[in-house]
């Protein structure tokens, strides 16, 4: 254990840099994936027939295909066409495309559980579809989707670990480097698991506080 701790101290600057990179990537894809999910949800609910079909096709494609394939296709495939993108950009784009599809599914599930009489009443009072979406639909759907969206953020954090396969120097990549140096794989991966668990606990605590702050009348917080 003493030798592992010594190596850990030596690698600590790299590990902390990797942890920062992991948090940065998670933050980027959580925001862009959230906005993309709202956009897809809007097209599914308020878009015309062609927009709805396109959004549904997009969601089915990205939910039904592995994220790793998308990352490999962009990082290793695009250079054959003369297009070179940094690992961070590939990760941000690939994850965003994937996360947006899942988030829109969560929002749609919440939408299907809403009482339609509110929409009918708003429409009868002259509200446009966009106004109904912005003022009535979206606030309720977002509130009901907080648990699902929180789970997705947690998945974002954990799935960033696959980015090291396209040379992104994240936390897991640095732990892998530490483990391959001293061959203390069990200790290194146990440490990594504990760090991920700590970050997940922070996300869950933040989500619970958010649920209490955005409680809507008529809903249980």
Protein backbone atom coordinates (compact mmCIF):
# COMPACT_ATOMS: atom_id res chain seq x y z
CA UNK A 1 0.00 0.00 0.00
CA UNK A 2 2.86 2.41 0.80
CA UNK A 3 4.29 2.01 -2.70
CA UNK A 4 0.86 2.63 -4.24
CA UNK A 5 0.40 5.79 -2.16
CA UNK A 6 3.85 6.96 -3.24
CA UNK A 7 3.00 6.43 -6.93
CA UNK A 8 -0.37 8.08 -6.39
CA UNK A 9 1.32 11.19 -4.99
CA UNK A 10 3.68 11.27 -7.97
CA UNK A 11 0.76 10.96 -10.40
CA UNK A 12 -1.52 13.30 -8.43
CA UNK A 13 -1.05 16.38 -10.68
CA UNK A 14 -1.95 14.31 -13.76
CA UNK A 15 -4.89 12.69 -11.98
CA UNK A 16 -6.26 16.06 -10.85
CA UNK A 17 -5.90 17.40 -14.39
CA UNK A 18 -7.75 14.35 -15.67
CA UNK A 19 -10.47 14.87 -13.06
CA UNK A 20 -10.85 18.47 -14.20
CA UNK A 21 -11.15 17.28 -17.80
CA UNK A 22 -13.82 14.78 -16.79
CA UNK A 23 -15.86 17.45 -14.99
CA UNK A 24 -15.47 19.83 -17.96
CA UNK A 25 -16.70 17.21 -20.43
CA UNK A 26 -19.57 16.21 -18.17
CA UNK A 27 -20.60 19.86 -17.77
CA UNK A 28 -20.48 20.52 -21.52
CA UNK A 29 -22.49 17.48 -22.55
CA UNK A 30 -25.00 17.90 -19.73
CA UNK A 31 -25.79 21.46 -20.87
CA UNK A 32 -25.74 20.82 -24.62
CA UNK A 33 -27.57 17.53 -24.23
CA UNK A 34 -30.22 19.23 -22.10
CA UNK A 35 -30.77 22.00 -24.67
CA UNK A 36 -30.74 19.49 -27.51
CA UNK A 37 -33.29 17.36 -25.68
CA UNK A 38 -35.61 20.35 -25.29
CA UNK A 39 -35.25 21.18 -29.00
CA UNK A 40 -36.08 17.61 -30.02
CA UNK A 41 -38.99 17.53 -27.57
CA UNK A 42 -40.34 20.77 -29.02
CA UNK A 43 -40.16 19.39 -32.56
CA UNK A 44 -41.89 16.20 -31.46
CA UNK A 45 -44.72 18.09 -29.77
CA UNK A 46 -45.16 21.23 -31.88
CA UNK A 47 -43.38 20.47 -35.14
CA UNK A 48 -45.07 19.65 -38.39
CA UNK A 49 -45.36 16.11 -39.68
CA UNK A 50 -41.94 16.17 -41.36
CA UNK A 51 -40.25 17.67 -38.28
CA UNK A 52 -41.86 15.11 -36.00
CA UNK A 53 -40.79 12.23 -38.20
CA UNK A 54 -37.25 13.61 -38.44
CA UNK A 55 -37.04 14.07 -34.65
CA UNK A 56 -38.40 10.58 -33.99
CA UNK A 57 -35.96 9.09 -36.50
CA UNK A 58 -33.08 10.94 -34.89
CA UNK A 59 -34.06 9.73 -31.42
CA UNK A 60 -34.48 6.13 -32.55
CA UNK A 61 -31.10 6.16 -34.29
CA UNK A 62 -29.05 7.55 -31.41
CA UNK A 63 -30.87 5.58 -28.72
CA UNK A 64 -30.48 2.40 -30.76
CA UNK A 65 -26.78 2.67 -31.65
CA UNK A 66 -23.74 2.55 -29.32
CA UNK A 67 -22.14 5.81 -28.30
CA UNK A 68 -18.69 4.31 -28.81
CA UNK A 69 -19.43 3.73 -32.49
CA UNK A 70 -20.21 7.43 -32.94
CA UNK A 71 -17.02 8.47 -31.16
CA UNK A 72 -14.86 6.05 -33.16
CA UNK A 73 -16.53 7.06 -36.41
CA UNK A 74 -15.71 10.73 -35.84
CA UNK A 75 -12.25 10.31 -34.32
CA UNK A 76 -10.86 7.51 -36.48
CA UNK A 77 -13.16 7.69 -39.51
CA UNK A 78 -13.32 11.40 -40.33
CA UNK A 79 -9.51 11.78 -40.70
CA UNK A 80 -9.76 9.50 -43.72
CA UNK A 81 -11.90 12.24 -45.27
CA UNK A 82 -9.38 14.89 -44.27
CA UNK A 83 -11.36 16.08 -41.27
CA UNK A 84 -9.40 16.19 -38.01
CA UNK A 85 -11.17 17.02 -34.75
CA UNK A 86 -9.70 17.18 -31.26
CA UNK A 87 -10.64 14.48 -28.73
CA UNK A 88 -12.56 17.02 -26.64
CA UNK A 89 -14.57 18.22 -29.63
CA UNK A 90 -15.31 14.66 -30.77
CA UNK A 91 -16.41 13.73 -27.25
CA UNK A 92 -18.57 16.85 -26.90
CA UNK A 93 -20.29 16.31 -30.26
CA UNK A 94 -20.72 12.55 -29.88
CA UNK A 95 -22.07 12.72 -26.36
CA UNK A 96 -24.35 15.67 -27.16
CA UNK A 97 -25.97 13.83 -30.06
CA UNK A 98 -26.53 10.80 -27.84
CA UNK A 99 -27.62 12.59 -24.66
CA UNK A 100 -30.06 14.85 -26.53
CA UNK A 101 -31.94 11.80 -27.77
CA UNK A 102 -32.26 10.31 -24.30
CA UNK A 103 -33.27 13.61 -22.69
CA UNK A 104 -36.02 14.15 -25.25
CA UNK A 105 -37.34 10.69 -24.41
CA UNK A 106 -37.52 11.59 -20.72
CA UNK A 107 -39.33 14.84 -21.49
CA UNK A 108 -41.77 13.08 -23.80
CA UNK A 109 -42.56 10.49 -21.14
CA UNK A 110 -43.37 13.28 -18.65
CA UNK A 111 -45.44 15.08 -21.28
CA UNK A 112 -47.58 12.01 -21.90
CA UNK A 113 -48.60 12.08 -18.23
CA UNK A 114 -49.86 15.68 -18.25
CA UNK A 115 -53.51 16.70 -18.18
CA UNK A 116 -54.43 17.90 -21.67
CA UNK A 117 -57.28 20.10 -20.45
CA UNK A 118 -54.75 22.81 -19.53
CA UNK A 119 -53.54 22.97 -23.10
CA UNK A 120 -57.07 23.06 -24.45
CA UNK A 121 -58.03 25.88 -22.07
CA UNK A 122 -54.93 27.89 -22.99
CA UNK A 123 -55.59 27.40 -26.69
CA UNK A 124 -59.21 28.52 -26.23
CA UNK A 125 -57.93 31.73 -24.59
CA UNK A 126 -55.81 32.53 -27.62
CA UNK A 127 -52.38 31.25 -26.60
CA UNK A 128 -50.21 30.18 -29.52
CA UNK A 129 -48.63 26.70 -29.52
CA UNK A 130 -45.23 28.25 -28.76
CA UNK A 131 -46.64 30.21 -25.82
CA UNK A 132 -48.35 27.11 -24.46
CA UNK A 133 -45.11 25.18 -24.77
CA UNK A 134 -43.01 27.86 -23.07
CA UNK A 135 -45.43 28.84 -20.29
CA UNK A 136 -47.35 25.64 -19.52
CA UNK A 137 -45.84 22.53 -21.03
CA UNK A 138 -42.11 22.98 -20.50
CA UNK A 139 -42.15 24.04 -16.80
CA UNK A 140 -44.27 21.06 -15.80
CA UNK A 141 -42.38 18.60 -17.96
CA UNK A 142 -39.01 19.76 -16.65
CA UNK A 143 -40.18 19.46 -13.06
CA UNK A 144 -41.51 15.94 -13.57
CA UNK A 145 -38.32 14.97 -15.41
CA UNK A 146 -35.85 16.08 -12.74
CA UNK A 147 -35.19 12.50 -11.50
CA UNK A 148 -34.69 11.19 -15.04
CA UNK A 149 -32.53 14.14 -16.07
CA UNK A 150 -30.47 13.71 -12.90
CA UNK A 151 -29.92 10.06 -13.74
CA UNK A 152 -28.79 11.12 -17.20
CA UNK A 153 -26.25 13.55 -15.75
CA UNK A 154 -24.94 10.71 -13.59
CA UNK A 155 -24.70 8.54 -16.69
CA UNK A 156 -22.88 11.40 -18.44
CA UNK A 157 -20.31 11.43 -15.66
CA UNK A 158 -19.76 7.68 -15.73
CA UNK A 159 -19.75 7.36 -19.51
CA UNK A 160 -17.08 10.03 -19.93
CA UNK A 161 -14.69 7.22 -18.99
CA UNK A 162 -15.00 5.80 -22.52
CA UNK A 163 -13.53 9.02 -23.93
CA UNK A 164 -10.03 7.81 -23.08
CA UNK A 165 -10.43 5.36 -25.98
CA UNK A 166 -10.20 8.32 -28.35
CA UNK A 167 -7.19 9.80 -26.50
CA UNK A 168 -9.12 12.23 -24.31
CA UNK A 169 -7.06 12.66 -21.17
CA UNK A 170 -9.80 12.34 -18.60
CA UNK A 171 -9.69 11.07 -15.03
CA UNK A 172 -10.00 7.41 -15.97
CA UNK A 173 -7.22 7.70 -18.53
CA UNK A 174 -4.87 8.98 -15.82
CA UNK A 175 -5.92 6.23 -13.41
CA UNK A 176 -5.28 3.72 -16.19
CA UNK A 177 -1.82 5.21 -16.63
CA UNK A 178 -1.16 4.91 -12.89
CA UNK A 179 -2.34 1.30 -12.84
CA UNK A 180 -0.22 0.31 -15.84
CA UNK A 181 2.85 1.84 -14.22
CA UNK A 182 2.77 -0.05 -10.91
CA UNK A 183 0.36 -2.89 -11.87
CA UNK A 184 -1.76 -2.14 -8.80
CA UNK A 185 -4.94 -2.44 -10.86
CA UNK A 186 -7.25 -3.37 -7.99
CA UNK A 187 -6.21 -0.41 -5.83
CA UNK A 188 -6.22 2.06 -8.70
CA UNK A 189 -9.65 1.08 -9.98
CA UNK A 190 -11.08 0.95 -6.44
CA UNK A 191 -9.84 4.50 -5.91
CA UNK A 192 -11.40 5.56 -9.22
CA UNK A 193 -14.71 3.99 -8.23
CA UNK A 194 -14.74 5.87 -4.94
CA UNK A 195 -14.03 9.18 -6.68
CA UNK A 196 -16.87 8.59 -9.16
CA UNK A 197 -19.15 7.68 -6.24
CA UNK A 198 -18.28 10.93 -4.48
CA UNK A 199 -19.06 12.96 -7.61
CA UNK A 200 -22.36 11.12 -8.07
CA UNK A 201 -23.28 11.89 -4.46
CA UNK A 202 -22.67 15.59 -5.10
CA UNK A 203 -24.91 15.48 -8.20
CA UNK A 204 -27.72 13.71 -6.32
CA UNK A 205 -27.55 16.20 -3.44
CA UNK A 206 -27.69 19.13 -5.88
CA UNK A 207 -30.66 17.57 -7.69
CA UNK A 208 -32.59 17.16 -4.44
CA UNK A 209 -32.03 20.80 -3.56
CA UNK A 210 -33.17 21.79 -7.04
CA UNK A 211 -36.38 19.76 -6.73
CA UNK A 212 -37.26 21.59 -3.53
CA UNK A 213 -36.51 25.02 -5.02
CA UNK A 214 -38.60 24.52 -8.16
CA UNK A 215 -41.60 22.82 -6.52
CA UNK A 216 -44.78 23.63 -8.45
CA UNK A 217 -48.22 24.08 -6.86
CA UNK A 218 -50.11 20.80 -6.94
CA UNK A 219 -46.99 18.65 -7.17
CA UNK A 220 -45.20 16.74 -4.44
CA UNK A 221 -41.57 17.83 -4.02
